[in-house]
Structures are given as structure tokens and as C-alpha cells.
Amino acid sequence: MTRAQDELRTAVARAARDLDALRTDWLGDRTDPSRTLTALHNARPGWLQAAHASLDEAVATAYGWPGDLTDDEIIARLLALNRQRSAKP
């Protein structure tokens, strides 16, 4: 792995850890039954959206993709990558 690849991988891991830590902090001690991941994602607070955007940006950069792809474009690219990799012997 090159240094650049390692840096991209580290950026994705950091963004994923940050998102997980924010969600875990929000869930708290789990004594409040209204504090669920479903409730959190349904509420879509700004800090959660920002954390997801950071992770999305890190992943797009790692793949060398533009950051403004639609969900359908992302799915199409991931499907093409999957087909390409599964076709290799």
C-alpha cells in the first residue's frame, strides 16, 4: 500500500470512528427508551448529517470519485466495481 492509499484509508477510518462516537454519545446510557438509532436517524440532526457528509466525502475521495454523485450514481459505480472484481480469476 502506498503512503497516499494509507492516508485515504486512515481518513475513511477516522470519519467512520467519529460518526460512531457521535451516535454512541447520543445514545447515552441506554436507559431512555426513546434514544434509538432509528429515532436518531429519523430526527436527522445537523451534527449527524455533517458526520455522514464527512464520511461520504472521505469514501468518495478514496475511490477517486467526485463528491456530488447521486445515490443512484454511487450504486451504479459500486455495482460496476463489484462486477469487475468478481470477474477476475
N, C-alpha and C. Protein backbone atom coordinates (compact mmCIF):
# COMPACT_ATOMS: atom_id res chain seq x y z
N MET A 1 0.85 -1.17 0.00
CA MET A 1 0.00 0.00 0.00
C MET A 1 0.90 1.24 0.00
N THR A 2 0.56 2.18 -0.83
CA THR A 2 1.34 3.41 -0.89
C THR A 2 0.97 4.32 0.27
N ARG A 3 1.80 5.33 0.49
CA ARG A 3 1.52 6.29 1.55
C ARG A 3 0.19 7.01 1.29
N ALA A 4 -0.04 7.38 0.04
CA ALA A 4 -1.29 8.08 -0.31
C ALA A 4 -2.50 7.18 -0.03
N GLN A 5 -2.40 5.91 -0.38
CA GLN A 5 -3.51 4.98 -0.13
C GLN A 5 -3.74 4.83 1.38
N ASP A 6 -2.64 4.77 2.12
CA ASP A 6 -2.76 4.64 3.57
C ASP A 6 -3.43 5.88 4.17
N GLU A 7 -3.11 7.05 3.65
CA GLU A 7 -3.73 8.28 4.14
C GLU A 7 -5.22 8.31 3.83
N LEU A 8 -5.61 7.84 2.64
CA LEU A 8 -7.02 7.78 2.28
C LEU A 8 -7.76 6.80 3.19
N ARG A 9 -7.14 5.67 3.42
CA ARG A 9 -7.73 4.65 4.29
C ARG A 9 -7.89 5.19 5.71
N THR A 10 -6.89 5.91 6.19
CA THR A 10 -6.94 6.49 7.52
C THR A 10 -8.05 7.54 7.61
N ALA A 11 -8.23 8.33 6.56
CA ALA A 11 -9.28 9.36 6.56
C ALA A 11 -10.67 8.71 6.64
N VAL A 12 -10.87 7.62 5.91
CA VAL A 12 -12.16 6.92 5.96
C VAL A 12 -12.38 6.34 7.35
N ALA A 13 -11.34 5.71 7.90
CA ALA A 13 -11.47 5.11 9.23
C ALA A 13 -11.77 6.17 10.28
N ARG A 14 -11.10 7.32 10.19
CA ARG A 14 -11.31 8.40 11.16
C ARG A 14 -12.75 8.91 11.07
N ALA A 15 -13.23 9.14 9.86
CA ALA A 15 -14.60 9.65 9.69
C ALA A 15 -15.62 8.64 10.20
N ALA A 16 -15.37 7.36 9.97
CA ALA A 16 -16.29 6.31 10.46
C ALA A 16 -16.27 6.25 11.98
N ARG A 17 -15.08 6.34 12.58
CA ARG A 17 -14.98 6.33 14.06
C ARG A 17 -15.67 7.55 14.66
N ASP A 18 -15.50 8.71 14.03
CA ASP A 18 -16.14 9.93 14.52
C ASP A 18 -17.66 9.80 14.50
N LEU A 19 -18.19 9.28 13.40
CA LEU A 19 -19.63 9.08 13.28
C LEU A 19 -20.11 8.11 14.35
N ASP A 20 -19.41 7.01 14.52
CA ASP A 20 -19.80 6.03 15.53
C ASP A 20 -19.76 6.63 16.94
N ALA A 21 -18.73 7.41 17.23
CA ALA A 21 -18.61 8.03 18.56
C ALA A 21 -19.76 9.02 18.81
N LEU A 22 -20.12 9.79 17.81
CA LEU A 22 -21.22 10.74 17.96
C LEU A 22 -22.54 10.01 18.23
N ARG A 23 -22.78 8.95 17.47
CA ARG A 23 -24.01 8.18 17.67
C ARG A 23 -24.02 7.52 19.05
N THR A 24 -22.89 6.96 19.45
CA THR A 24 -22.79 6.30 20.75
C THR A 24 -23.02 7.30 21.87
N ASP A 25 -22.43 8.48 21.76
CA ASP A 25 -22.64 9.53 22.77
C ASP A 25 -24.11 9.92 22.84
N TRP A 26 -24.77 10.04 21.71
CA TRP A 26 -26.17 10.43 21.69
C TRP A 26 -27.04 9.35 22.34
N LEU A 27 -26.69 8.10 22.12
CA LEU A 27 -27.47 7.02 22.71
C LEU A 27 -27.36 7.02 24.23
N GLY A 28 -26.25 7.52 24.76
CA GLY A 28 -26.08 7.64 26.20
C GLY A 28 -26.03 6.29 26.89
N ASP A 29 -26.59 6.24 28.08
CA ASP A 29 -26.51 5.02 28.88
C ASP A 29 -27.62 4.02 28.56
N ARG A 30 -28.39 4.32 27.56
CA ARG A 30 -29.44 3.43 27.05
C ARG A 30 -30.60 3.22 28.03
N THR A 31 -30.75 4.09 29.03
CA THR A 31 -31.90 3.97 29.94
C THR A 31 -33.12 4.70 29.40
N ASP A 32 -32.92 5.55 28.42
CA ASP A 32 -34.02 6.29 27.81
C ASP A 32 -34.48 5.51 26.58
N PRO A 33 -35.66 4.89 26.64
CA PRO A 33 -36.11 4.06 25.53
C PRO A 33 -36.37 4.83 24.22
N SER A 34 -36.44 6.16 24.31
CA SER A 34 -36.66 6.94 23.09
C SER A 34 -35.35 7.17 22.33
N ARG A 35 -34.23 6.88 22.96
CA ARG A 35 -32.91 7.08 22.33
C ARG A 35 -32.50 5.81 21.60
N THR A 36 -32.93 5.72 20.34
CA THR A 36 -32.58 4.59 19.49
C THR A 36 -31.93 5.14 18.22
N LEU A 37 -31.20 4.28 17.53
CA LEU A 37 -30.61 4.70 16.26
C LEU A 37 -31.70 5.09 15.26
N THR A 38 -32.80 4.39 15.29
CA THR A 38 -33.91 4.73 14.39
C THR A 38 -34.42 6.14 14.68
N ALA A 39 -34.63 6.44 15.96
CA ALA A 39 -35.09 7.78 16.33
C ALA A 39 -34.08 8.83 15.93
N LEU A 40 -32.81 8.53 16.15
CA LEU A 40 -31.77 9.48 15.79
C LEU A 40 -31.76 9.76 14.30
N HIS A 41 -31.77 8.70 13.50
CA HIS A 41 -31.70 8.89 12.05
C HIS A 41 -32.99 9.50 11.50
N ASN A 42 -34.11 9.22 12.13
CA ASN A 42 -35.36 9.87 11.71
C ASN A 42 -35.34 11.37 12.02
N ALA A 43 -34.71 11.74 13.13
CA ALA A 43 -34.63 13.16 13.51
C ALA A 43 -33.66 13.92 12.62
N ARG A 44 -32.64 13.25 12.13
CA ARG A 44 -31.64 13.83 11.23
C ARG A 44 -31.08 15.17 11.73
N PRO A 45 -30.51 15.19 12.94
CA PRO A 45 -29.92 16.44 13.42
C PRO A 45 -28.75 16.87 12.55
N GLY A 46 -28.46 18.15 12.55
CA GLY A 46 -27.39 18.69 11.71
C GLY A 46 -26.05 18.04 11.95
N TRP A 47 -25.72 17.78 13.22
CA TRP A 47 -24.41 17.17 13.51
C TRP A 47 -24.30 15.77 12.93
N LEU A 48 -25.42 15.04 12.87
CA LEU A 48 -25.40 13.70 12.28
C LEU A 48 -25.22 13.80 10.77
N GLN A 49 -25.93 14.73 10.15
CA GLN A 49 -25.79 14.93 8.71
C GLN A 49 -24.37 15.33 8.35
N ALA A 50 -23.75 16.19 9.17
CA ALA A 50 -22.37 16.62 8.91
C ALA A 50 -21.40 15.45 9.04
N ALA A 51 -21.62 14.60 10.03
CA ALA A 51 -20.74 13.44 10.21
C ALA A 51 -20.88 12.47 9.04
N HIS A 52 -22.10 12.25 8.57
CA HIS A 52 -22.31 11.39 7.39
C HIS A 52 -21.67 12.01 6.16
N ALA A 53 -21.79 13.32 6.02
CA ALA A 53 -21.19 14.01 4.86
C ALA A 53 -19.67 13.87 4.89
N SER A 54 -19.07 13.95 6.06
CA SER A 54 -17.62 13.78 6.17
C SER A 54 -17.20 12.37 5.76
N LEU A 55 -17.96 11.39 6.21
CA LEU A 55 -17.65 10.01 5.83
C LEU A 55 -17.86 9.81 4.33
N ASP A 56 -18.95 10.33 3.80
CA ASP A 56 -19.21 10.22 2.36
C ASP A 56 -18.08 10.86 1.55
N GLU A 57 -17.62 12.01 1.99
CA GLU A 57 -16.55 12.71 1.29
C GLU A 57 -15.25 11.91 1.34
N ALA A 58 -14.93 11.34 2.49
CA ALA A 58 -13.71 10.54 2.62
C ALA A 58 -13.76 9.31 1.73
N VAL A 59 -14.91 8.67 1.67
CA VAL A 59 -15.06 7.47 0.83
C VAL A 59 -14.98 7.85 -0.65
N ALA A 60 -15.65 8.91 -1.05
CA ALA A 60 -15.61 9.35 -2.45
C ALA A 60 -14.17 9.68 -2.85
N THR A 61 -13.45 10.37 -1.98
CA THR A 61 -12.06 10.72 -2.27
C THR A 61 -11.22 9.45 -2.40
N ALA A 62 -11.44 8.48 -1.53
CA ALA A 62 -10.68 7.22 -1.59
C ALA A 62 -10.92 6.49 -2.90
N TYR A 63 -12.14 6.55 -3.40
CA TYR A 63 -12.46 5.92 -4.68
C TYR A 63 -12.05 6.78 -5.88
N GLY A 64 -11.71 8.03 -5.63
CA GLY A 64 -11.37 8.93 -6.72
C GLY A 64 -12.60 9.44 -7.45
N TRP A 65 -13.72 9.48 -6.76
CA TRP A 65 -14.98 9.91 -7.33
C TRP A 65 -15.28 11.35 -6.94
N PRO A 66 -16.05 12.05 -7.76
CA PRO A 66 -16.49 13.39 -7.35
C PRO A 66 -17.43 13.29 -6.16
N GLY A 67 -17.48 14.30 -5.35
CA GLY A 67 -18.28 14.27 -4.14
C GLY A 67 -19.75 14.57 -4.34
N ASP A 68 -20.14 14.89 -5.56
CA ASP A 68 -21.53 15.30 -5.78
C ASP A 68 -22.35 14.24 -6.52
N LEU A 69 -21.97 12.98 -6.41
CA LEU A 69 -22.72 11.92 -7.07
C LEU A 69 -24.06 11.70 -6.37
N THR A 70 -25.06 11.33 -7.15
CA THR A 70 -26.35 10.98 -6.56
C THR A 70 -26.25 9.56 -6.00
N ASP A 71 -27.22 9.19 -5.19
CA ASP A 71 -27.24 7.83 -4.65
C ASP A 71 -27.27 6.80 -5.78
N ASP A 72 -28.07 7.07 -6.82
CA ASP A 72 -28.15 6.14 -7.96
C ASP A 72 -26.80 6.00 -8.67
N GLU A 73 -26.07 7.10 -8.80
CA GLU A 73 -24.76 7.05 -9.45
C GLU A 73 -23.76 6.27 -8.59
N ILE A 74 -23.84 6.45 -7.29
CA ILE A 74 -22.95 5.71 -6.39
C ILE A 74 -23.24 4.21 -6.49
N ILE A 75 -24.50 3.85 -6.45
CA ILE A 75 -24.88 2.44 -6.55
C ILE A 75 -24.41 1.85 -7.88
N ALA A 76 -24.58 2.59 -8.97
CA ALA A 76 -24.13 2.10 -10.28
C ALA A 76 -22.62 1.90 -10.30
N ARG A 77 -21.87 2.80 -9.72
CA ARG A 77 -20.41 2.67 -9.68
C ARG A 77 -19.98 1.48 -8.81
N LEU A 78 -20.64 1.33 -7.67
CA LEU A 78 -20.31 0.20 -6.80
C LEU A 78 -20.66 -1.13 -7.46
N LEU A 79 -21.76 -1.17 -8.16
CA LEU A 79 -22.15 -2.39 -8.88
C LEU A 79 -21.12 -2.70 -9.97
N ALA A 80 -20.69 -1.68 -10.70
CA ALA A 80 -19.68 -1.89 -11.75
C ALA A 80 -18.37 -2.39 -11.14
N LEU A 81 -17.96 -1.83 -10.01
CA LEU A 81 -16.75 -2.31 -9.34
C LEU A 81 -16.90 -3.75 -8.89
N ASN A 82 -18.06 -4.08 -8.35
CA ASN A 82 -18.31 -5.44 -7.89
C ASN A 82 -18.24 -6.42 -9.06
N ARG A 83 -18.85 -6.06 -10.16
CA ARG A 83 -18.82 -6.93 -11.35
C ARG A 83 -17.40 -7.09 -11.88
N GLN A 84 -16.66 -6.00 -11.90
CA GLN A 84 -15.27 -6.02 -12.37
C GLN A 84 -14.42 -6.94 -11.49
N ARG A 85 -14.55 -6.79 -10.20
CA ARG A 85 -13.72 -7.58 -9.28
C ARG A 85 -14.15 -9.04 -9.23
N SER A 86 -15.43 -9.31 -9.38
CA SER A 86 -15.88 -10.70 -9.34
C SER A 86 -15.55 -11.44 -10.64
N ALA A 87 -15.27 -10.71 -11.71
CA ALA A 87 -14.92 -11.33 -12.99
C ALA A 87 -13.46 -11.77 -13.05
N LYS A 88 -12.64 -11.28 -12.14
CA LYS A 88 -11.22 -11.64 -12.14
C LYS A 88 -11.07 -13.07 -11.63
N PRO A 89 -10.13 -13.82 -12.25
CA PRO A 89 -9.92 -15.23 -11.83
C PRO A 89 -9.35 -15.34 -10.43
